[in-house]
Amino acid sequence: MTLPNGYCGAPVQTDYEYANPCLDCRFFITTGDFLQQHRQQRQETSELITQAEDAGLARVAEKNRRTLGKIISALEGTAENQIVVGGQVEDVDAAG
């Protein structure tokens, strides 16, 4: 399934309880082509965290801090023949 910032490789019947579990998911696949979308999402998430903290919603703020920075760092370090799968950099041939 195509996502705005990568691809979902999870089985079709998979059901998630979280609003956006993708960044932590071992089935999430992304490439440098989506780096700008991840940076935009990081900015929007940063604003959401600030709003949640201002409203006293510590759990919401914490849930939104988790892995976006990790994905961006991984993408910034990828070569043209590499992708990020489940937060780990892999060669395109190895991921297939």
N, C-alpha and C. Protein backbone atom coordinates (compact mmCIF):
# COMPACT_ATOMS: atom_id res chain seq x y z
N MET A 1 0.85 -1.17 0.00
CA MET A 1 0.00 0.00 0.00
C MET A 1 0.90 1.23 0.00
N THR A 2 0.56 2.22 -0.80
CA THR A 2 1.32 3.47 -0.85
C THR A 2 0.86 4.40 0.26
N LEU A 3 1.82 4.99 0.94
CA LEU A 3 1.59 5.98 1.98
C LEU A 3 2.18 7.30 1.50
N PRO A 4 1.86 8.41 2.12
CA PRO A 4 2.43 9.70 1.68
C PRO A 4 3.93 9.81 1.88
N ASN A 5 4.51 8.93 2.71
CA ASN A 5 5.94 9.03 3.00
C ASN A 5 6.68 7.71 2.85
N GLY A 6 6.11 6.78 2.08
CA GLY A 6 6.75 5.48 1.87
C GLY A 6 5.73 4.45 1.46
N TYR A 7 5.99 3.20 1.83
CA TYR A 7 5.13 2.09 1.43
C TYR A 7 4.90 1.17 2.62
N CYS A 8 3.72 0.57 2.67
CA CYS A 8 3.40 -0.40 3.71
C CYS A 8 3.55 -1.79 3.12
N GLY A 9 4.41 -2.60 3.74
CA GLY A 9 4.61 -3.96 3.28
C GLY A 9 3.91 -4.98 4.17
N ALA A 10 3.02 -4.51 5.06
CA ALA A 10 2.32 -5.41 5.98
C ALA A 10 1.25 -6.19 5.24
N PRO A 11 0.93 -7.39 5.74
CA PRO A 11 -0.18 -8.16 5.15
C PRO A 11 -1.46 -7.34 5.18
N VAL A 12 -2.30 -7.52 4.18
CA VAL A 12 -3.52 -6.71 4.01
C VAL A 12 -4.43 -6.77 5.23
N GLN A 13 -4.53 -7.90 5.89
CA GLN A 13 -5.44 -8.05 7.03
C GLN A 13 -4.92 -7.44 8.33
N THR A 14 -3.71 -6.90 8.32
CA THR A 14 -3.15 -6.33 9.54
C THR A 14 -3.99 -5.15 10.02
N ASP A 15 -4.30 -5.14 11.31
CA ASP A 15 -5.11 -4.07 11.90
C ASP A 15 -4.31 -3.43 13.03
N TYR A 16 -4.16 -2.11 12.99
CA TYR A 16 -3.38 -1.40 13.99
C TYR A 16 -4.29 -0.55 14.86
N GLU A 17 -3.93 -0.45 16.15
CA GLU A 17 -4.71 0.36 17.08
C GLU A 17 -4.27 1.81 17.09
N TYR A 18 -3.09 2.11 16.59
CA TYR A 18 -2.54 3.45 16.69
C TYR A 18 -2.84 4.27 15.45
N ALA A 19 -2.87 5.58 15.61
CA ALA A 19 -3.19 6.48 14.50
C ALA A 19 -2.14 6.42 13.41
N ASN A 20 -0.86 6.41 13.75
CA ASN A 20 0.20 6.37 12.75
C ASN A 20 1.35 5.50 13.25
N PRO A 21 1.16 4.18 13.22
CA PRO A 21 2.19 3.30 13.72
C PRO A 21 3.32 3.05 12.73
N CYS A 22 3.20 3.55 11.53
CA CYS A 22 4.11 3.20 10.44
C CYS A 22 5.58 3.40 10.75
N LEU A 23 5.95 4.51 11.35
CA LEU A 23 7.36 4.81 11.55
C LEU A 23 8.05 3.80 12.46
N ASP A 24 7.32 3.11 13.29
CA ASP A 24 7.86 2.07 14.16
C ASP A 24 7.72 0.67 13.59
N CYS A 25 7.04 0.55 12.48
CA CYS A 25 6.66 -0.76 11.95
C CYS A 25 7.78 -1.40 11.14
N ARG A 26 7.97 -2.71 11.33
CA ARG A 26 8.99 -3.43 10.58
C ARG A 26 8.63 -3.58 9.11
N PHE A 27 7.39 -3.32 8.74
CA PHE A 27 6.96 -3.41 7.35
C PHE A 27 7.04 -2.08 6.61
N PHE A 28 7.36 -0.99 7.32
CA PHE A 28 7.40 0.33 6.69
C PHE A 28 8.65 0.47 5.84
N ILE A 29 8.47 0.85 4.58
CA ILE A 29 9.56 1.00 3.62
C ILE A 29 9.53 2.44 3.10
N THR A 30 10.70 3.10 3.09
CA THR A 30 10.77 4.45 2.56
C THR A 30 12.12 4.67 1.89
N THR A 31 12.19 5.71 1.08
CA THR A 31 13.42 6.03 0.35
C THR A 31 13.69 7.52 0.46
N GLY A 32 14.84 7.94 -0.04
CA GLY A 32 15.19 9.35 -0.06
C GLY A 32 14.20 10.19 -0.85
N ASP A 33 13.43 9.55 -1.73
CA ASP A 33 12.40 10.28 -2.48
C ASP A 33 11.37 10.92 -1.56
N PHE A 34 11.22 10.38 -0.35
CA PHE A 34 10.22 10.86 0.59
C PHE A 34 10.81 11.73 1.70
N LEU A 35 12.10 12.07 1.59
CA LEU A 35 12.76 12.82 2.66
C LEU A 35 12.06 14.13 2.97
N GLN A 36 11.64 14.86 1.96
CA GLN A 36 10.96 16.14 2.20
C GLN A 36 9.64 15.94 2.95
N GLN A 37 8.90 14.89 2.62
CA GLN A 37 7.65 14.61 3.35
C GLN A 37 7.94 14.29 4.81
N HIS A 38 9.02 13.55 5.07
CA HIS A 38 9.39 13.24 6.46
C HIS A 38 9.79 14.50 7.21
N ARG A 39 10.52 15.39 6.55
CA ARG A 39 10.90 16.65 7.20
C ARG A 39 9.66 17.49 7.51
N GLN A 40 8.72 17.54 6.58
CA GLN A 40 7.48 18.28 6.81
C GLN A 40 6.70 17.66 7.96
N GLN A 41 6.64 16.33 7.98
CA GLN A 41 5.94 15.65 9.07
C GLN A 41 6.63 15.92 10.40
N ARG A 42 7.97 15.98 10.41
CA ARG A 42 8.70 16.29 11.64
C ARG A 42 8.32 17.68 12.15
N GLN A 43 8.21 18.65 11.24
CA GLN A 43 7.83 20.01 11.63
C GLN A 43 6.41 20.04 12.21
N GLU A 44 5.50 19.38 11.52
CA GLU A 44 4.10 19.34 12.00
C GLU A 44 4.00 18.60 13.33
N THR A 45 4.76 17.53 13.47
CA THR A 45 4.75 16.76 14.72
C THR A 45 5.33 17.57 15.86
N SER A 46 6.36 18.34 15.57
CA SER A 46 6.96 19.22 16.57
C SER A 46 5.93 20.22 17.10
N GLU A 47 5.16 20.78 16.20
CA GLU A 47 4.10 21.72 16.58
C GLU A 47 3.03 21.02 17.41
N LEU A 48 2.67 19.78 17.03
CA LEU A 48 1.68 19.01 17.77
C LEU A 48 2.18 18.71 19.19
N ILE A 49 3.46 18.38 19.32
CA ILE A 49 4.04 18.10 20.64
C ILE A 49 3.95 19.33 21.53
N THR A 50 4.29 20.48 20.97
CA THR A 50 4.22 21.73 21.74
C THR A 50 2.79 22.00 22.20
N GLN A 51 1.83 21.82 21.30
CA GLN A 51 0.42 22.03 21.65
C GLN A 51 -0.03 21.05 22.73
N ALA A 52 0.40 19.79 22.60
CA ALA A 52 0.02 18.77 23.59
C ALA A 52 0.61 19.11 24.95
N GLU A 53 1.88 19.51 24.97
CA GLU A 53 2.51 19.88 26.24
C GLU A 53 1.82 21.08 26.87
N ASP A 54 1.49 22.08 26.06
CA ASP A 54 0.79 23.27 26.56
C ASP A 54 -0.57 22.92 27.14
N ALA A 55 -1.19 21.87 26.59
CA ALA A 55 -2.51 21.45 27.06
C ALA A 55 -2.42 20.42 28.19
N GLY A 56 -1.19 20.08 28.61
CA GLY A 56 -1.03 19.11 29.68
C GLY A 56 -1.22 17.67 29.25
N LEU A 57 -1.06 17.40 27.97
CA LEU A 57 -1.27 16.05 27.43
C LEU A 57 0.09 15.37 27.23
N ALA A 58 0.71 14.99 28.33
CA ALA A 58 2.06 14.43 28.30
C ALA A 58 2.13 13.15 27.48
N ARG A 59 1.14 12.29 27.58
CA ARG A 59 1.15 11.01 26.85
C ARG A 59 1.11 11.25 25.34
N VAL A 60 0.30 12.18 24.90
CA VAL A 60 0.22 12.50 23.47
C VAL A 60 1.57 13.03 23.00
N ALA A 61 2.18 13.91 23.77
CA ALA A 61 3.48 14.47 23.41
C ALA A 61 4.52 13.36 23.31
N GLU A 62 4.56 12.46 24.28
CA GLU A 62 5.56 11.39 24.29
C GLU A 62 5.38 10.43 23.11
N LYS A 63 4.15 10.06 22.80
CA LYS A 63 3.89 9.15 21.69
C LYS A 63 4.36 9.74 20.37
N ASN A 64 4.34 11.05 20.26
CA ASN A 64 4.72 11.71 19.01
C ASN A 64 6.21 12.00 18.90
N ARG A 65 6.97 11.77 19.96
CA ARG A 65 8.41 12.04 19.95
C ARG A 65 9.23 10.88 19.39
N ARG A 66 8.68 9.70 19.31
CA ARG A 66 9.42 8.46 19.20
C ARG A 66 10.43 8.32 18.07
N THR A 67 10.03 8.22 16.82
CA THR A 67 10.98 7.74 15.82
C THR A 67 11.17 8.58 14.57
N LEU A 68 10.46 9.66 14.44
CA LEU A 68 10.57 10.43 13.19
C LEU A 68 12.00 10.89 12.93
N GLY A 69 12.69 11.36 13.93
CA GLY A 69 14.08 11.78 13.76
C GLY A 69 14.98 10.64 13.32
N LYS A 70 14.72 9.44 13.83
CA LYS A 70 15.49 8.26 13.45
C LYS A 70 15.34 7.95 11.97
N ILE A 71 14.13 8.03 11.45
CA ILE A 71 13.87 7.76 10.04
C ILE A 71 14.60 8.78 9.17
N ILE A 72 14.52 10.05 9.55
CA ILE A 72 15.17 11.11 8.76
C ILE A 72 16.68 10.90 8.75
N SER A 73 17.27 10.59 9.90
CA SER A 73 18.71 10.34 9.95
C SER A 73 19.10 9.16 9.07
N ALA A 74 18.31 8.11 9.10
CA ALA A 74 18.59 6.94 8.27
C ALA A 74 18.52 7.30 6.79
N LEU A 75 17.49 8.06 6.40
CA LEU A 75 17.33 8.45 5.00
C LEU A 75 18.46 9.35 4.53
N GLU A 76 18.89 10.26 5.37
CA GLU A 76 19.97 11.18 4.99
C GLU A 76 21.28 10.43 4.75
N GLY A 77 21.41 9.24 5.33
CA GLY A 77 22.62 8.45 5.16
C GLY A 77 22.54 7.40 4.07
N THR A 78 21.43 7.33 3.35
CA THR A 78 21.29 6.28 2.33
C THR A 78 21.94 6.69 1.02
N ALA A 79 22.43 5.68 0.32
CA ALA A 79 22.95 5.87 -1.03
C ALA A 79 21.79 5.64 -2.01
N GLU A 80 22.05 5.87 -3.28
CA GLU A 80 21.00 5.75 -4.28
C GLU A 80 20.40 4.35 -4.36
N ASN A 81 21.18 3.33 -4.07
CA ASN A 81 20.70 1.94 -4.17
C ASN A 81 20.25 1.38 -2.82
N GLN A 82 19.89 2.26 -1.88
CA GLN A 82 19.47 1.81 -0.55
C GLN A 82 18.08 2.36 -0.20
N ILE A 83 17.41 1.62 0.67
CA ILE A 83 16.10 2.02 1.18
C ILE A 83 16.13 1.85 2.70
N VAL A 84 15.10 2.35 3.36
CA VAL A 84 14.96 2.16 4.80
C VAL A 84 13.75 1.25 5.01
N VAL A 85 13.99 0.11 5.67
CA VAL A 85 12.95 -0.88 5.94
C VAL A 85 12.90 -1.08 7.44
N GLY A 86 11.76 -0.77 8.05
CA GLY A 86 11.62 -0.93 9.49
C GLY A 86 12.66 -0.14 10.28
N GLY A 87 13.07 1.01 9.73
CA GLY A 87 14.03 1.87 10.41
C GLY A 87 15.49 1.53 10.15
N GLN A 88 15.75 0.48 9.37
CA GLN A 88 17.11 0.04 9.08
C GLN A 88 17.43 0.26 7.61
N VAL A 89 18.64 0.73 7.32
CA VAL A 89 19.08 0.93 5.94
C VAL A 89 19.44 -0.42 5.34
N GLU A 90 18.92 -0.68 4.13
CA GLU A 90 19.23 -1.93 3.42
C GLU A 90 19.51 -1.62 1.97
N ASP A 91 20.35 -2.45 1.37
CA ASP A 91 20.56 -2.35 -0.06
C ASP A 91 19.30 -2.81 -0.77
N VAL A 92 18.99 -2.23 -1.91
CA VAL A 92 17.77 -2.59 -2.63
C VAL A 92 17.72 -4.08 -2.93
N ASP A 93 18.82 -4.68 -3.33
CA ASP A 93 18.84 -6.11 -3.64
C ASP A 93 18.57 -6.96 -2.41
N ALA A 94 19.06 -6.54 -1.23
CA ALA A 94 18.89 -7.32 0.00
C ALA A 94 17.46 -7.26 0.51
N ALA A 95 16.75 -6.16 0.23
CA ALA A 95 15.39 -6.00 0.73
C ALA A 95 14.39 -6.79 -0.08
N GLY A 96 14.69 -7.11 -1.31
CA GLY A 96 13.74 -7.80 -2.17
C GLY A 96 13.65 -9.21 -1.83
